[in-house]
Amino acid sequence: MDQIIGYCGLLCSGCKIYLATREKNKSKKQKMISEIICACRELYGVEYKPSDITPCDGCTSGARIFSPCKNCLIRNCAFEKQVKSCALCDMYPCEKLSDSFKSEPSARTRLDTIRNSN
């Protein structure tokens, strides 16, 4: 599977919602969705129903996106600036990204790699 990297450097193709979207086996997909619901409850205190776990093709796809990701400040900024990645933005790394890198340093590594290869 090709890596799909979100605007912010997170690995969309490693996201459980992204993976559940692609799962063909219905019982396995239902189990994955249940795990996502439990993780959201434990990590974020958010209660989702199975119908809330909408299909997602990654935040840069512009098509099917997990509904909470539609409100992501980083995604919306990149989308508005029409950059393929935050790594390609003139403001890189901005304050929003720097804050997110504190909890996900691998995202910065991915974005630095993209920035240095262009």
PDB file of N, CA and C in Angstrom:
ATOM      1  N   MET A   1       0.839  -1.175   0.000  1.00  0.00           N
ATOM      2  CA  MET A   1       0.000   0.000   0.000  1.00  0.00           C
ATOM      3  C   MET A   1       0.886   1.241   0.000  1.00  0.00           C
ATOM      4  N   ASP A   2       0.535   2.189  -0.831  1.00  0.00           N
ATOM      5  CA  ASP A   2       1.255   3.449  -0.862  1.00  0.00           C
ATOM      6  C   ASP A   2       0.958   4.236   0.407  1.00  0.00           C
ATOM      7  N   GLN A   3       1.953   4.987   0.843  1.00  0.00           N
ATOM      8  CA  GLN A   3       1.739   5.850   1.996  1.00  0.00           C
ATOM      9  C   GLN A   3       0.938   7.073   1.579  1.00  0.00           C
ATOM     10  N   ILE A   4      -0.058   7.394   2.361  1.00  0.00           N
ATOM     11  CA  ILE A   4      -0.819   8.617   2.160  1.00  0.00           C
ATOM     12  C   ILE A   4      -0.541   9.480   3.373  1.00  0.00           C
ATOM     13  N   ILE A   5       0.079  10.619   3.122  1.00  0.00           N
ATOM     14  CA  ILE A   5       0.488  11.506   4.197  1.00  0.00           C
ATOM     15  C   ILE A   5      -0.440  12.707   4.206  1.00  0.00           C
ATOM     16  N   GLY A   6      -1.013  12.987   5.368  1.00  0.00           N
ATOM     17  CA  GLY A   6      -1.900  14.135   5.529  1.00  0.00           C
ATOM     18  C   GLY A   6      -1.131  15.436   5.408  1.00  0.00           C
ATOM     19  N   TYR A   7      -1.857  16.515   5.252  1.00  0.00           N
ATOM     20  CA  TYR A   7      -1.244  17.833   5.153  1.00  0.00           C
ATOM     21  C   TYR A   7      -0.255  18.060   6.286  1.00  0.00           C
ATOM     22  N   CYS A   8      -0.613  17.611   7.491  1.00  0.00           N
ATOM     23  CA  CYS A   8       0.168  17.863   8.692  1.00  0.00           C
ATOM     24  C   CYS A   8       1.318  16.880   8.893  1.00  0.00           C
ATOM     25  N   GLY A   9       1.403  15.875   8.056  1.00  0.00           N
ATOM     26  CA  GLY A   9       2.470  14.888   8.183  1.00  0.00           C
ATOM     27  C   GLY A   9       2.038  13.588   8.839  1.00  0.00           C
ATOM     28  N   LEU A  10       0.819  13.542   9.353  1.00  0.00           N
ATOM     29  CA  LEU A  10       0.330  12.272   9.903  1.00  0.00           C
ATOM     30  C   LEU A  10       0.159  11.272   8.771  1.00  0.00           C
ATOM     31  N   LEU A  11       0.307  10.019   9.094  1.00  0.00           N
ATOM     32  CA  LEU A  11       0.218   8.967   8.098  1.00  0.00           C
ATOM     33  C   LEU A  11      -1.235   8.503   7.976  1.00  0.00           C
ATOM     34  N   CYS A  12      -1.968   9.075   7.027  1.00  0.00           N
ATOM     35  CA  CYS A  12      -3.378   8.722   6.825  1.00  0.00           C
ATOM     36  C   CYS A  12      -3.532   7.226   6.533  1.00  0.00           C
ATOM     37  N   SER A  13      -2.631   6.687   5.740  1.00  0.00           N
ATOM     38  CA  SER A  13      -2.752   5.277   5.357  1.00  0.00           C
ATOM     39  C   SER A  13      -2.492   4.339   6.530  1.00  0.00           C
ATOM     40  N   GLY A  14      -2.071   4.863   7.668  1.00  0.00           N
ATOM     41  CA  GLY A  14      -1.909   4.059   8.880  1.00  0.00           C
ATOM     42  C   GLY A  14      -3.046   4.267   9.868  1.00  0.00           C
ATOM     43  N   CYS A  15      -3.970   5.165   9.545  1.00  0.00           N
ATOM     44  CA  CYS A  15      -5.090   5.499  10.422  1.00  0.00           C
ATOM     45  C   CYS A  15      -6.114   4.364  10.418  1.00  0.00           C
ATOM     46  N   LYS A  16      -6.620   4.046  11.598  1.00  0.00           N
ATOM     47  CA  LYS A  16      -7.589   2.957  11.713  1.00  0.00           C
ATOM     48  C   LYS A  16      -8.876   3.236  10.928  1.00  0.00           C
ATOM     49  N   ILE A  17      -9.268   4.497  10.836  1.00  0.00           N
ATOM     50  CA  ILE A  17     -10.480   4.836  10.080  1.00  0.00           C
ATOM     51  C   ILE A  17     -10.230   4.629   8.585  1.00  0.00           C
ATOM     52  N   TYR A  18      -9.081   5.049   8.124  1.00  0.00           N
ATOM     53  CA  TYR A  18      -8.694   4.841   6.725  1.00  0.00           C
ATOM     54  C   TYR A  18      -8.672   3.342   6.409  1.00  0.00           C
ATOM     55  N   LEU A  19      -8.071   2.557   7.295  1.00  0.00           N
ATOM     56  CA  LEU A  19      -7.967   1.111   7.084  1.00  0.00           C
ATOM     57  C   LEU A  19      -9.343   0.444   7.125  1.00  0.00           C
ATOM     58  N   ALA A  20     -10.199   0.889   8.039  1.00  0.00           N
ATOM     59  CA  ALA A  20     -11.551   0.329   8.115  1.00  0.00           C
ATOM     60  C   ALA A  20     -12.339   0.634   6.849  1.00  0.00           C
ATOM     61  N   THR A  21     -12.096   1.792   6.257  1.00  0.00           N
ATOM     62  CA  THR A  21     -12.763   2.172   5.012  1.00  0.00           C
ATOM     63  C   THR A  21     -12.462   1.162   3.910  1.00  0.00           C
ATOM     64  N   ARG A  22     -11.276   0.605   3.917  1.00  0.00           N
ATOM     65  CA  ARG A  22     -10.852  -0.314   2.872  1.00  0.00           C
ATOM     66  C   ARG A  22     -11.125  -1.794   3.164  1.00  0.00           C
ATOM     67  N   GLU A  23     -11.507  -2.088   4.390  1.00  0.00           N
ATOM     68  CA  GLU A  23     -11.736  -3.482   4.781  1.00  0.00           C
ATOM     69  C   GLU A  23     -12.951  -4.053   4.051  1.00  0.00           C
ATOM     70  N   LYS A  24     -12.765  -5.180   3.413  1.00  0.00           N
ATOM     71  CA  LYS A  24     -13.836  -5.831   2.642  1.00  0.00           C
ATOM     72  C   LYS A  24     -14.678  -6.778   3.509  1.00  0.00           C
ATOM     73  N   ASN A  25     -14.031  -7.412   4.480  1.00  0.00           N
ATOM     74  CA  ASN A  25     -14.712  -8.365   5.351  1.00  0.00           C
ATOM     75  C   ASN A  25     -15.594  -7.606   6.344  1.00  0.00           C
ATOM     76  N   LYS A  26     -16.923  -7.818   6.266  1.00  0.00           N
ATOM     77  CA  LYS A  26     -17.867  -7.043   7.073  1.00  0.00           C
ATOM     78  C   LYS A  26     -17.659  -7.225   8.569  1.00  0.00           C
ATOM     79  N   SER A  27     -17.443  -8.454   9.021  1.00  0.00           N
ATOM     80  CA  SER A  27     -17.285  -8.662  10.462  1.00  0.00           C
ATOM     81  C   SER A  27     -15.971  -8.043  10.962  1.00  0.00           C
ATOM     82  N   LYS A  28     -14.932  -8.144  10.161  1.00  0.00           N
ATOM     83  CA  LYS A  28     -13.664  -7.522  10.533  1.00  0.00           C
ATOM     84  C   LYS A  28     -13.803  -5.995  10.560  1.00  0.00           C
ATOM     85  N   LYS A  29     -14.544  -5.462   9.585  1.00  0.00           N
ATOM     86  CA  LYS A  29     -14.777  -4.014   9.517  1.00  0.00           C
ATOM     87  C   LYS A  29     -15.557  -3.547  10.748  1.00  0.00           C
ATOM     88  N   GLN A  30     -16.594  -4.289  11.137  1.00  0.00           N
ATOM     89  CA  GLN A  30     -17.379  -3.931  12.322  1.00  0.00           C
ATOM     90  C   GLN A  30     -16.521  -3.947  13.580  1.00  0.00           C
ATOM     91  N   LYS A  31     -15.626  -4.921  13.672  1.00  0.00           N
ATOM     92  CA  LYS A  31     -14.724  -5.003  14.820  1.00  0.00           C
ATOM     93  C   LYS A  31     -13.788  -3.789  14.833  1.00  0.00           C
ATOM     94  N   MET A  32     -13.274  -3.415  13.677  1.00  0.00           N
ATOM     95  CA  MET A  32     -12.391  -2.250  13.587  1.00  0.00           C
ATOM     96  C   MET A  32     -13.131  -0.978  14.008  1.00  0.00           C
ATOM     97  N   ILE A  33     -14.360  -0.839  13.576  1.00  0.00           N
ATOM     98  CA  ILE A  33     -15.159   0.338  13.931  1.00  0.00           C
ATOM     99  C   ILE A  33     -15.410   0.370  15.439  1.00  0.00           C
ATOM    100  N   SER A  34     -15.692  -0.774  16.036  1.00  0.00           N
ATOM    101  CA  SER A  34     -15.876  -0.843  17.488  1.00  0.00           C
ATOM    102  C   SER A  34     -14.611  -0.414  18.224  1.00  0.00           C
ATOM    103  N   GLU A  35     -13.456  -0.836  17.719  1.00  0.00           N
ATOM    104  CA  GLU A  35     -12.181  -0.444  18.323  1.00  0.00           C
ATOM    105  C   GLU A  35     -11.948   1.065  18.196  1.00  0.00           C
ATOM    106  N   ILE A  36     -12.329   1.629  17.069  1.00  0.00           N
ATOM    107  CA  ILE A  36     -12.192   3.075  16.855  1.00  0.00           C
ATOM    108  C   ILE A  36     -13.071   3.828  17.859  1.00  0.00           C
ATOM    109  N   ILE A  37     -14.301   3.370  18.026  1.00  0.00           N
ATOM    110  CA  ILE A  37     -15.226   4.004  18.957  1.00  0.00           C
ATOM    111  C   ILE A  37     -14.667   3.966  20.380  1.00  0.00           C
ATOM    112  N   CYS A  38     -14.127   2.826  20.781  1.00  0.00           N
ATOM    113  CA  CYS A  38     -13.537   2.695  22.123  1.00  0.00           C
ATOM    114  C   CYS A  38     -12.331   3.621  22.283  1.00  0.00           C
ATOM    115  N   ALA A  39     -11.484   3.676  21.274  1.00  0.00           N
ATOM    116  CA  ALA A  39     -10.289   4.524  21.342  1.00  0.00           C
ATOM    117  C   ALA A  39     -10.681   6.003  21.437  1.00  0.00           C
ATOM    118  N   CYS A  40     -11.670   6.429  20.669  1.00  0.00           N
ATOM    119  CA  CYS A  40     -12.121   7.830  20.718  1.00  0.00           C
ATOM    120  C   CYS A  40     -12.686   8.164  22.098  1.00  0.00           C
ATOM    121  N   ARG A  41     -13.389   7.209  22.695  1.00  0.00           N
ATOM    122  CA  ARG A  41     -13.948   7.424  24.031  1.00  0.00           C
ATOM    123  C   ARG A  41     -12.820   7.551  25.053  1.00  0.00           C
ATOM    124  N   GLU A  42     -11.855   6.632  24.996  1.00  0.00           N
ATOM    125  CA  GLU A  42     -10.760   6.614  25.976  1.00  0.00           C
ATOM    126  C   GLU A  42      -9.797   7.786  25.803  1.00  0.00           C
ATOM    127  N   LEU A  43      -9.438   8.088  24.564  1.00  0.00           N
ATOM    128  CA  LEU A  43      -8.428   9.116  24.312  1.00  0.00           C
ATOM    129  C   LEU A  43      -8.978  10.537  24.326  1.00  0.00           C
ATOM    130  N   TYR A  44     -10.187  10.708  23.798  1.00  0.00           N
ATOM    131  CA  TYR A  44     -10.707  12.061  23.603  1.00  0.00           C
ATOM    132  C   TYR A  44     -11.996  12.345  24.367  1.00  0.00           C
ATOM    133  N   GLY A  45     -12.555  11.318  25.000  1.00  0.00           N
ATOM    134  CA  GLY A  45     -13.809  11.511  25.722  1.00  0.00           C
ATOM    135  C   GLY A  45     -14.994  11.764  24.818  1.00  0.00           C
ATOM    136  N   VAL A  46     -14.886  11.312  23.575  1.00  0.00           N
ATOM    137  CA  VAL A  46     -15.943  11.530  22.587  1.00  0.00           C
ATOM    138  C   VAL A  46     -16.691  10.213  22.365  1.00  0.00           C
ATOM    139  N   GLU A  47     -18.008  10.291  22.391  1.00  0.00           N
ATOM    140  CA  GLU A  47     -18.845   9.119  22.169  1.00  0.00           C
ATOM    141  C   GLU A  47     -19.342   9.106  20.725  1.00  0.00           C
ATOM    142  N   TYR A  48     -18.912   8.123  19.977  1.00  0.00           N
ATOM    143  CA  TYR A  48     -19.389   7.958  18.608  1.00  0.00           C
ATOM    144  C   TYR A  48     -20.253   6.718  18.518  1.00  0.00           C
ATOM    145  N   LYS A  49     -21.173   6.731  17.566  1.00  0.00           N
ATOM    146  CA  LYS A  49     -21.955   5.559  17.203  1.00  0.00           C
ATOM    147  C   LYS A  49     -21.298   4.979  15.952  1.00  0.00           C
ATOM    148  N   PRO A  50     -21.554   3.723  15.633  1.00  0.00           N
ATOM    149  CA  PRO A  50     -20.976   3.148  14.407  1.00  0.00           C
ATOM    150  C   PRO A  50     -21.271   3.976  13.158  1.00  0.00           C
ATOM    151  N   SER A  51     -22.457   4.568  13.085  1.00  0.00           N
ATOM    152  CA  SER A  51     -22.806   5.371  11.903  1.00  0.00           C
ATOM    153  C   SER A  51     -21.998   6.669  11.819  1.00  0.00           C
ATOM    154  N   ASP A  52     -21.368   7.086  12.925  1.00  0.00           N
ATOM    155  CA  ASP A  52     -20.536   8.293  12.936  1.00  0.00           C
ATOM    156  C   ASP A  52     -19.164   8.050  12.303  1.00  0.00           C
ATOM    157  N   ILE A  53     -18.762   6.807  12.221  1.00  0.00           N
ATOM    158  CA  ILE A  53     -17.447   6.472  11.669  1.00  0.00           C
ATOM    159  C   ILE A  53     -17.599   6.396  10.151  1.00  0.00           C
ATOM    160  N   THR A  54     -17.453   7.543   9.533  1.00  0.00           N
ATOM    161  CA  THR A  54     -17.673   7.670   8.097  1.00  0.00           C
ATOM    162  C   THR A  54     -16.420   7.271   7.320  1.00  0.00           C
ATOM    163  N   PRO A  55     -16.597   6.788   6.100  1.00  0.00           N
ATOM    164  CA  PRO A  55     -15.450   6.401   5.282  1.00  0.00           C
ATOM    165  C   PRO A  55     -14.490   7.573   5.071  1.00  0.00           C
ATOM    166  N   CYS A  56     -13.213   7.252   4.994  1.00  0.00           N
ATOM    167  CA  CYS A  56     -12.194   8.288   4.822  1.00  0.00           C
ATOM    168  C   CYS A  56     -11.124   7.802   3.846  1.00  0.00           C
ATOM    169  N   ASP A  57     -10.784   8.670   2.904  1.00  0.00           N
ATOM    170  CA  ASP A  57      -9.732   8.384   1.932  1.00  0.00           C
ATOM    171  C   ASP A  57      -8.476   9.203   2.210  1.00  0.00           C
ATOM    172  N   GLY A  58      -8.400   9.794   3.386  1.00  0.00           N
ATOM    173  CA  GLY A  58      -7.261  10.637   3.745  1.00  0.00           C
ATOM    174  C   GLY A  58      -7.622  12.096   3.570  1.00  0.00           C
ATOM    175  N   CYS A  59      -7.067  12.941   4.420  1.00  0.00           N
ATOM    176  CA  CYS A  59      -7.502  14.343   4.442  1.00  0.00           C
ATOM    177  C   CYS A  59      -7.145  15.116   3.187  1.00  0.00           C
ATOM    178  N   THR A  60      -6.182  14.656   2.414  1.00  0.00           N
ATOM    179  CA  THR A  60      -5.816  15.377   1.193  1.00  0.00           C
ATOM    180  C   THR A  60      -6.645  14.944  -0.012  1.00  0.00           C
ATOM    181  N   SER A  61      -7.489  13.942   0.176  1.00  0.00           N
ATOM    182  CA  SER A  61      -8.250  13.401  -0.959  1.00  0.00           C
ATOM    183  C   SER A  61      -9.305  14.366  -1.472  1.00  0.00           C
ATOM    184  N   GLY A  62      -9.850  15.174  -0.577  1.00  0.00           N
ATOM    185  CA  GLY A  62     -10.903  16.090  -0.985  1.00  0.00           C
ATOM    186  C   GLY A  62     -12.238  15.408  -1.203  1.00  0.00           C
ATOM    187  N   ALA A  63     -12.287  14.108  -1.019  1.00  0.00           N
ATOM    188  CA  ALA A  63     -13.530  13.369  -1.234  1.00  0.00           C
ATOM    189  C   ALA A  63     -14.092  12.929   0.118  1.00  0.00           C
ATOM    190  N   ARG A  64     -14.020  11.632   0.385  1.00  0.00           N
ATOM    191  CA  ARG A  64     -14.551  11.109   1.642  1.00  0.00           C
ATOM    192  C   ARG A  64     -13.549  11.366   2.766  1.00  0.00           C
ATOM    193  N   ILE A  65     -14.007  12.094   3.776  1.00  0.00           N
ATOM    194  CA  ILE A  65     -13.151  12.438   4.904  1.00  0.00           C
ATOM    195  C   ILE A  65     -13.941  12.206   6.186  1.00  0.00           C
ATOM    196  N   PHE A  66     -13.308  11.600   7.177  1.00  0.00           N
ATOM    197  CA  PHE A  66     -13.921  11.400   8.487  1.00  0.00           C
ATOM    198  C   PHE A  66     -14.414  12.752   8.981  1.00  0.00           C
ATOM    199  N   SER A  67     -15.686  12.833   9.353  1.00  0.00           N
ATOM    200  CA  SER A  67     -16.316  14.130   9.622  1.00  0.00           C
ATOM    201  C   SER A  67     -15.560  15.022  10.614  1.00  0.00           C
ATOM    202  N   PRO A  68     -15.020  14.538  11.734  1.00  0.00           N
ATOM    203  CA  PRO A  68     -14.260  15.449  12.613  1.00  0.00           C
ATOM    204  C   PRO A  68     -13.025  16.052  11.926  1.00  0.00           C
ATOM    205  N   CYS A  69     -12.461  15.358  10.977  1.00  0.00           N
ATOM    206  CA  CYS A  69     -11.279  15.872  10.271  1.00  0.00           C
ATOM    207  C   CYS A  69     -11.629  17.059   9.378  1.00  0.00           C
ATOM    208  N   LYS A  70     -12.892  17.195   9.032  1.00  0.00           N
ATOM    209  CA  LYS A  70     -13.313  18.336   8.225  1.00  0.00           C
ATOM    210  C   LYS A  70     -13.140  19.649   8.990  1.00  0.00           C
ATOM    211  N   ASN A  71     -13.055  19.564  10.317  1.00  0.00           N
ATOM    212  CA  ASN A  71     -12.896  20.745  11.158  1.00  0.00           C
ATOM    213  C   ASN A  71     -11.448  20.972  11.589  1.00  0.00           C
ATOM    214  N   CYS A  72     -10.536  20.200  11.062  1.00  0.00           N
ATOM    215  CA  CYS A  72      -9.132  20.321  11.441  1.00  0.00           C
ATOM    216  C   CYS A  72      -8.577  21.666  10.947  1.00  0.00           C
ATOM    217  N   LEU A  73      -8.045  22.455  11.857  1.00  0.00           N
ATOM    218  CA  LEU A  73      -7.515  23.775  11.504  1.00  0.00           C
ATOM    219  C   LEU A  73      -6.348  23.676  10.530  1.00  0.00           C
ATOM    220  N   ILE A  74      -5.499  22.685  10.722  1.00  0.00           N
ATOM    221  CA  ILE A  74      -4.341  22.512   9.838  1.00  0.00           C
ATOM    222  C   ILE A  74      -4.809  22.118   8.440  1.00  0.00           C
ATOM    223  N   ARG A  75      -5.686  21.143   8.359  1.00  0.00           N
ATOM    224  CA  ARG A  75      -6.217  20.704   7.062  1.00  0.00           C
ATOM    225  C   ARG A  75      -6.900  21.857   6.339  1.00  0.00           C
ATOM    226  N   ASN A  76      -7.738  22.589   7.046  1.00  0.00           N
ATOM    227  CA  ASN A  76      -8.471  23.682   6.418  1.00  0.00           C
ATOM    228  C   ASN A  76      -7.540  24.793   5.943  1.00  0.00           C
ATOM    229  N   CYS A  77      -6.488  25.070   6.689  1.00  0.00           N
ATOM    230  CA  CYS A  77      -5.511  26.084   6.289  1.00  0.00           C
ATOM    231  C   CYS A  77      -4.802  25.650   5.002  1.00  0.00           C
ATOM    232  N   ALA A  78      -4.325  24.417   4.964  1.00  0.00           N
ATOM    233  CA  ALA A  78      -3.631  23.908   3.778  1.00  0.00           C
ATOM    234  C   ALA A  78      -4.561  23.876   2.568  1.00  0.00           C
ATOM    235  N   PHE A  79      -5.791  23.460   2.804  1.00  0.00           N
ATOM    236  CA  PHE A  79      -6.779  23.405   1.731  1.00  0.00           C
ATOM    237  C   PHE A  79      -7.028  24.807   1.176  1.00  0.00           C
ATOM    238  N   GLU A  80      -7.166  25.772   2.070  1.00  0.00           N
ATOM    239  CA  GLU A  80      -7.407  27.161   1.668  1.00  0.00           C
ATOM    240  C   GLU A  80      -6.221  27.743   0.894  1.00  0.00           C
ATOM    241  N   LYS A  81      -5.007  27.388   1.322  1.00  0.00           N
ATOM    242  CA  LYS A  81      -3.802  27.886   0.649  1.00  0.00           C
ATOM    243  C   LYS A  81      -3.475  27.093  -0.613  1.00  0.00           C
ATOM    244  N   GLN A  82      -4.214  26.016  -0.834  1.00  0.00           N
ATOM    245  CA  GLN A  82      -4.047  25.152  -2.000  1.00  0.00           C
ATOM    246  C   GLN A  82      -2.633  24.575  -2.101  1.00  0.00           C
ATOM    247  N   VAL A  83      -2.118  24.119  -0.953  1.00  0.00           N
ATOM    248  CA  VAL A  83      -0.827  23.426  -0.955  1.00  0.00           C
ATOM    249  C   VAL A  83      -1.083  21.935  -0.836  1.00  0.00           C
ATOM    250  N   LYS A  84      -0.244  21.133  -1.470  1.00  0.00           N
ATOM    251  CA  LYS A  84      -0.402  19.677  -1.431  1.00  0.00           C
ATOM    252  C   LYS A  84       0.016  19.119  -0.077  1.00  0.00           C
ATOM    253  N   SER A  85       0.831  19.888   0.642  1.00  0.00           N
ATOM    254  CA  SER A  85       1.345  19.480   1.947  1.00  0.00           C
ATOM    255  C   SER A  85       1.771  20.731   2.699  1.00  0.00           C
ATOM    256  N   CYS A  86       1.642  20.705   3.995  1.00  0.00           N
ATOM    257  CA  CYS A  86       2.117  21.839   4.800  1.00  0.00           C
ATOM    258  C   CYS A  86       3.617  22.049   4.595  1.00  0.00           C
ATOM    259  N   ALA A  87       4.324  20.996   4.237  1.00  0.00           N
ATOM    260  CA  ALA A  87       5.763  21.096   3.993  1.00  0.00           C
ATOM    261  C   ALA A  87       6.073  22.064   2.861  1.00  0.00           C
ATOM    262  N   LEU A  88       5.120  22.276   1.974  1.00  0.00           N
ATOM    263  CA  LEU A  88       5.331  23.131   0.812  1.00  0.00           C
ATOM    264  C   LEU A  88       4.801  24.548   1.008  1.00  0.00           C
ATOM    265  N   CYS A  89       4.351  24.841   2.204  1.00  0.00           N
ATOM    266  CA  CYS A  89       3.818  26.160   2.527  1.00  0.00           C
ATOM    267  C   CYS A  89       4.963  27.116   2.872  1.00  0.00           C
ATOM    268  N   ASP A  90       4.819  28.374   2.478  1.00  0.00           N
ATOM    269  CA  ASP A  90       5.828  29.388   2.794  1.00  0.00           C
ATOM    270  C   ASP A  90       5.959  29.621   4.296  1.00  0.00           C
ATOM    271  N   MET A  91       4.924  29.291   5.055  1.00  0.00           N
ATOM    272  CA  MET A  91       4.910  29.514   6.507  1.00  0.00           C
ATOM    273  C   MET A  91       5.421  28.300   7.304  1.00  0.00           C
ATOM    274  N   TYR A  92       5.874  27.267   6.618  1.00  0.00           N
ATOM    275  CA  TYR A  92       6.298  26.029   7.290  1.00  0.00           C
ATOM    276  C   TYR A  92       7.540  26.259   8.131  1.00  0.00           C
ATOM    277  N   PRO A  93       7.579  25.729   9.340  1.00  0.00           N
ATOM    278  CA  PRO A  93       6.480  25.187  10.132  1.00  0.00           C
ATOM    279  C   PRO A  93       5.784  26.296  10.915  1.00  0.00           C
ATOM    280  N   CYS A  94       4.501  26.350  10.834  1.00  0.00           N
ATOM    281  CA  CYS A  94       3.733  27.374  11.540  1.00  0.00           C
ATOM    282  C   CYS A  94       3.506  26.929  12.989  1.00  0.00           C
ATOM    283  N   GLU A  95       2.889  27.795  13.753  1.00  0.00           N
ATOM    284  CA  GLU A  95       2.644  27.511  15.167  1.00  0.00           C
ATOM    285  C   GLU A  95       1.720  26.300  15.348  1.00  0.00           C
ATOM    286  N   LYS A  96       0.688  26.192  14.496  1.00  0.00           N
ATOM    287  CA  LYS A  96      -0.245  25.059  14.601  1.00  0.00           C
ATOM    288  C   LYS A  96       0.494  23.743  14.411  1.00  0.00           C
ATOM    289  N   LEU A  97       1.365  23.702  13.410  1.00  0.00           N
ATOM    290  CA  LEU A  97       2.129  22.482  13.160  1.00  0.00           C
ATOM    291  C   LEU A  97       3.100  22.203  14.290  1.00  0.00           C
ATOM    292  N   SER A  98       3.800  23.220  14.742  1.00  0.00           N
ATOM    293  CA  SER A  98       4.777  23.033  15.816  1.00  0.00           C
ATOM    294  C   SER A  98       4.116  22.442  17.055  1.00  0.00           C
ATOM    295  N   ASP A  99       2.898  22.884  17.356  1.00  0.00           N
ATOM    296  CA  ASP A  99       2.157  22.316  18.485  1.00  0.00           C
ATOM    297  C   ASP A  99       1.837  20.841  18.246  1.00  0.00           C
ATOM    298  N   SER A 100       1.423  20.510  17.028  1.00  0.00           N
ATOM    299  CA  SER A 100       1.066  19.112  16.742  1.00  0.00           C
ATOM    300  C   SER A 100       2.302  18.209  16.733  1.00  0.00           C
ATOM    301  N   PHE A 101       3.457  18.758  16.371  1.00  0.00           N
ATOM    302  CA  PHE A 101       4.692  17.964  16.355  1.00  0.00           C
ATOM    303  C   PHE A 101       5.089  17.499  17.752  1.00  0.00           C
ATOM    304  N   LYS A 102       4.654  18.217  18.778  1.00  0.00           N
ATOM    305  CA  LYS A 102       4.987  17.839  20.154  1.00  0.00           C
ATOM    306  C   LYS A 102       4.423  16.464  20.494  1.00  0.00           C
ATOM    307  N   SER A 103       3.234  16.176  19.989  1.00  0.00           N
ATOM    308  CA  SER A 103       2.618  14.874  20.267  1.00  0.00           C
ATOM    309  C   SER A 103       2.895  13.850  19.175  1.00  0.00           C
ATOM    310  N   GLU A 104       3.346  14.302  18.016  1.00  0.00           N
ATOM    311  CA  GLU A 104       3.587  13.395  16.890  1.00  0.00           C
ATOM    312  C   GLU A 104       4.842  13.817  16.126  1.00  0.00           C
ATOM    313  N   PRO A 105       6.039  13.601  16.727  1.00  0.00           N
ATOM    314  CA  PRO A 105       7.275  14.050  16.083  1.00  0.00           C
ATOM    315  C   PRO A 105       7.554  13.392  14.727  1.00  0.00           C
ATOM    316  N   SER A 106       7.010  12.204  14.505  1.00  0.00           N
ATOM    317  CA  SER A 106       7.236  11.538  13.218  1.00  0.00           C
ATOM    318  C   SER A 106       6.580  12.314  12.077  1.00  0.00           C
ATOM    319  N   ALA A 107       5.549  13.099  12.392  1.00  0.00           N
ATOM    320  CA  ALA A 107       4.889  13.923  11.370  1.00  0.00           C
ATOM    321  C   ALA A 107       5.864  14.971  10.845  1.00  0.00           C
ATOM    322  N   ARG A 108       6.653  15.541  11.740  1.00  0.00           N
ATOM    323  CA  ARG A 108       7.638  16.542  11.308  1.00  0.00           C
ATOM    324  C   ARG A 108       8.694  15.889  10.412  1.00  0.00           C
ATOM    325  N   THR A 109       9.111  14.698  10.771  1.00  0.00           N
ATOM    326  CA  THR A 109      10.100  13.979   9.965  1.00  0.00           C
ATOM    327  C   THR A 109       9.584  13.773   8.549  1.00  0.00           C
ATOM    328  N   ARG A 110       8.327  13.352   8.433  1.00  0.00           N
ATOM    329  CA  ARG A 110       7.735  13.147   7.105  1.00  0.00           C
ATOM    330  C   ARG A 110       7.673  14.458   6.319  1.00  0.00           C
ATOM    331  N   LEU A 111       7.226  15.519   6.974  1.00  0.00           N
ATOM    332  CA  LEU A 111       7.115  16.805   6.284  1.00  0.00           C
ATOM    333  C   LEU A 111       8.479  17.369   5.912  1.00  0.00           C
ATOM    334  N   ASP A 112       9.467  17.204   6.786  1.00  0.00           N
ATOM    335  CA  ASP A 112      10.824  17.663   6.463  1.00  0.00           C
ATOM    336  C   ASP A 112      11.354  16.935   5.234  1.00  0.00           C
ATOM    337  N   THR A 113      11.068  15.644   5.138  1.00  0.00           N
ATOM    338  CA  THR A 113      11.495  14.847   3.990  1.00  0.00           C
ATOM    339  C   THR A 113      10.834  15.376   2.712  1.00  0.00           C
ATOM    340  N   ILE A 114       9.550  15.672   2.788  1.00  0.00           N
ATOM    341  CA  ILE A 114       8.842  16.220   1.613  1.00  0.00           C
ATOM    342  C   ILE A 114       9.437  17.578   1.240  1.00  0.00           C
ATOM    343  N   ARG A 115       9.648  18.411   2.215  1.00  0.00           N
ATOM    344  CA  ARG A 115      10.168  19.761   1.958  1.00  0.00           C
ATOM    345  C   ARG A 115      11.566  19.704   1.334  1.00  0.00           C
ATOM    346  N   ASN A 116      12.404  18.815   1.841  1.00  0.00           N
ATOM    347  CA  ASN A 116      13.790  18.716   1.340  1.00  0.00           C
ATOM    348  C   ASN A 116      13.879  18.055  -0.030  1.00  0.00           C
ATOM    349  N   SER A 117      12.830  17.327  -0.419  1.00  0.00           N
ATOM    350  CA  SER A 117      12.870  16.658  -1.723  1.00  0.00           C
ATOM    351  C   SER A 117      12.287  17.531  -2.836  1.00  0.00           C
ATOM    352  N   ASN A 118      11.809  18.723  -2.482  1.00  0.00           N
ATOM    353  CA  ASN A 118      11.238  19.635  -3.496  1.00  0.00           C
ATOM    354  C   ASN A 118      12.111  20.833  -3.712  1.00  0.00           C
TER     355      ASN A 118
END
